[in-house]
Protein backbone atom coordinates (compact mmCIF):
# COMPACT_ATOMS: atom_id res chain seq x y z
CA MET A 1 -28.19 80.09 27.99
CA GLY A 2 -25.91 79.16 25.12
CA LYS A 3 -26.62 76.01 23.19
CA ALA A 4 -24.67 72.87 24.08
CA THR A 5 -23.31 72.30 20.57
CA TYR A 6 -21.23 69.30 21.69
CA ILE A 7 -24.46 67.29 22.19
CA GLN A 8 -24.80 65.61 18.80
CA PRO A 9 -26.95 64.46 17.14
CA ASP A 10 -29.37 64.63 20.10
CA LEU A 11 -29.19 64.15 23.88
CA GLU A 12 -30.35 60.52 23.92
CA ARG A 13 -27.91 59.32 21.24
CA TRP A 14 -25.09 61.44 22.64
CA MET A 15 -25.50 59.87 26.08
CA LYS A 16 -25.08 56.39 24.56
CA THR A 17 -21.54 57.31 23.44
CA PHE A 18 -20.21 57.27 27.02
CA HIS A 19 -18.30 54.20 28.26
CA PHE A 20 -17.49 55.45 31.76
CA GLU A 21 -19.53 56.59 34.73
CA THR A 22 -18.84 57.39 38.36
CA ASP A 23 -21.09 58.15 41.30
CA ILE A 24 -21.03 61.65 42.78
CA LYS A 25 -21.80 62.35 46.42
CA ILE A 26 -23.32 65.76 47.01
CA ARG A 27 -22.03 67.35 50.19
CA TYR A 28 -24.28 69.70 52.14
CA CYS A 29 -21.70 72.49 51.84
CA GLU A 30 -22.16 72.38 48.04
CA THR A 31 -25.75 73.58 48.29
CA ASP A 32 -27.31 77.01 48.67
CA MET A 33 -30.03 78.12 51.10
CA SER A 34 -32.71 76.59 48.86
CA GLY A 35 -31.05 73.17 48.90
CA HIS A 36 -29.91 73.49 45.27
CA VAL A 37 -26.42 72.42 44.34
CA ASN A 38 -24.43 75.62 43.82
CA ASN A 39 -23.41 76.27 40.22
CA VAL A 40 -19.66 76.12 40.94
CA SER A 41 -19.97 72.61 42.41
CA TYR A 42 -20.68 71.14 38.97
CA LEU A 43 -17.15 71.99 37.85
CA ILE A 44 -15.81 70.19 40.93
CA TYR A 45 -17.87 67.13 39.93
CA PHE A 46 -16.46 67.33 36.39
CA GLU A 47 -12.93 67.44 37.78
CA GLN A 48 -13.58 64.48 40.09
CA GLY A 49 -15.07 62.53 37.19
CA ARG A 50 -12.04 63.30 35.02
CA ILE A 51 -9.71 61.98 37.75
CA ASP A 52 -11.86 58.85 38.23
CA TYR A 53 -11.81 58.34 34.44
CA PHE A 54 -8.01 58.56 34.32
CA ASP A 55 -7.73 56.17 37.28
CA ARG A 56 -10.10 53.70 35.59
CA LEU A 57 -7.80 53.67 32.55
CA ASP A 58 -4.74 53.29 34.82
CA ILE A 59 -3.28 56.56 33.58
CA GLY A 60 -4.06 58.67 36.65
CA ASP A 61 -0.60 58.28 38.15
CA GLU A 62 1.05 59.01 34.80
CA VAL A 63 -0.82 62.24 34.08
CA LEU A 64 -1.59 63.48 37.60
CA HIS A 65 1.50 62.48 39.61
CA ASP A 66 3.37 65.37 41.23
CA LYS A 67 6.67 63.96 39.95
CA ALA A 68 5.49 63.75 36.33
CA GLU A 69 7.37 65.92 33.83
CA PHE A 70 4.13 67.61 32.81
CA MET A 71 0.93 68.89 34.34
CA VAL A 72 -2.67 68.79 33.22
CA VAL A 73 -4.02 72.28 32.59
CA THR A 74 -7.67 73.09 31.96
CA ALA A 75 -7.73 75.30 28.85
CA ASP A 76 -11.50 75.80 28.93
CA ILE A 77 -14.61 74.30 30.45
CA THR A 78 -18.31 74.80 29.86
CA CYS A 79 -21.31 73.71 31.90
CA HIS A 80 -24.92 73.72 30.74
CA TYR A 81 -27.53 73.41 33.47
CA HIS A 82 -30.59 71.39 32.48
CA ASN A 83 -32.44 70.59 35.73
CA GLU A 84 -32.11 71.39 39.41
CA LEU A 85 -29.93 69.15 41.53
CA PHE A 86 -30.48 68.84 45.28
CA PHE A 87 -28.72 67.59 48.39
CA ARG A 88 -29.44 63.88 49.00
CA GLU A 89 -29.94 63.14 45.31
CA ASN A 90 -27.59 60.51 43.94
CA PRO A 91 -26.17 61.70 40.63
CA THR A 92 -23.95 59.73 38.29
CA LEU A 93 -21.42 61.46 36.09
CA LEU A 94 -20.72 60.16 32.59
CA VAL A 95 -17.28 61.09 31.23
CA ARG A 96 -15.66 60.58 27.83
CA VAL A 97 -12.78 61.81 25.73
CA ALA A 98 -14.47 63.16 22.62
CA ARG A 99 -11.32 64.30 20.81
CA LEU A 100 -7.72 63.32 21.30
CA GLY A 101 -5.15 65.71 19.89
CA ASN A 102 -1.37 65.71 20.03
CA THR A 103 -1.07 67.73 23.26
CA SER A 104 -4.71 68.16 24.29
CA MET A 105 -8.02 66.37 24.61
CA ASP A 106 -11.65 67.42 24.69
CA ILE A 107 -13.62 65.82 27.49
CA GLU A 108 -17.41 65.73 27.77
CA TYR A 109 -19.57 65.25 30.84
CA CYS A 110 -23.18 64.36 31.56
CA LEU A 111 -24.52 64.51 35.12
CA VAL A 112 -27.66 62.40 35.53
CA VAL A 113 -29.95 61.31 38.35
CA LYS A 114 -30.89 57.86 37.10
CA ASP A 115 -33.69 57.09 39.57
CA LYS A 116 -35.46 60.28 38.48
CA ASN A 117 -34.55 59.93 34.82
CA LYS A 118 -33.21 63.49 34.71
CA VAL A 119 -30.19 65.15 33.21
CA ALA A 120 -28.97 67.80 35.64
CA ALA A 121 -26.05 69.19 33.63
CA THR A 122 -23.78 68.60 30.69
CA GLY A 123 -20.39 70.01 29.95
CA SER A 124 -17.31 69.96 27.82
CA GLY A 125 -13.78 71.17 28.17
CA THR A 126 -10.27 70.95 26.85
CA ILE A 127 -7.27 69.93 28.89
CA VAL A 128 -3.69 70.39 27.73
CA LEU A 129 -0.52 68.66 28.88
CA VAL A 130 2.09 71.30 29.73
CA GLY A 131 5.76 70.67 30.52
CA LYS A 132 6.54 71.74 34.06
CA GLU A 133 9.91 73.21 33.10
CA THR A 134 9.10 74.59 29.64
CA LYS A 135 5.58 75.85 30.50
CA ARG A 136 4.65 74.83 26.94
CA SER A 137 2.30 72.17 25.63
CA THR A 138 3.84 68.72 25.41
CA PRO A 139 2.75 65.58 23.53
CA ILE A 140 0.43 63.14 25.28
CA PRO A 141 2.51 60.01 26.08
CA SER A 142 1.91 57.17 23.62
CA GLN A 143 0.80 54.70 26.32
CA VAL A 144 -1.81 57.20 27.55
CA ARG A 145 -3.04 57.80 23.99
CA GLU A 146 -3.29 54.05 23.34
CA ARG A 147 -5.36 53.39 26.47
CA ILE A 148 -7.78 56.20 25.69
CA ILE A 149 -8.13 55.15 22.04
CA LYS A 150 -8.83 51.56 23.03
CA PHE A 151 -11.27 52.44 25.83
CA GLU A 152 -13.17 54.99 23.76
CA GLN A 153 -13.10 52.77 20.68
CA MET A 154 -11.73 55.65 18.66
CA GLU A 155 -10.40 55.43 15.15
CA MET A 156 -7.07 57.16 14.92
CA THR A 157 -5.69 58.69 11.78
CA MET A 158 -2.06 59.69 12.15
């Protein structure tokens, strides 16, 4: 397994940098014959958490609406599996924007089962805003940038 280089300086301190969390409900169909959550389901949880995050910041309709002039495209995504996750466990997903660029953002994820004090998985990925007509990257709208910067308590240098 590759090292999760986005976890800095260590897991405990990295987890304290998150300001948003959402509960995840594991469906039976997301498990294998051993009752483990299937590896592809984690990416679905990351996507759901990203949508919940955008909705929490009131930017979900702006960046995810079918009539928007742009679309959100996943450029890459990584998942590191730390501990088994099972049906009937109650995980919470932590989500944060770690880097905000002109047309893209890096998002990090941490899936935890709080009542068992276990980290099930962590992940990171980049999403890019792409113009629907041009099929090229497009700048993140200023109101979206401002909400993320404020929520994440980021310092912006521009």
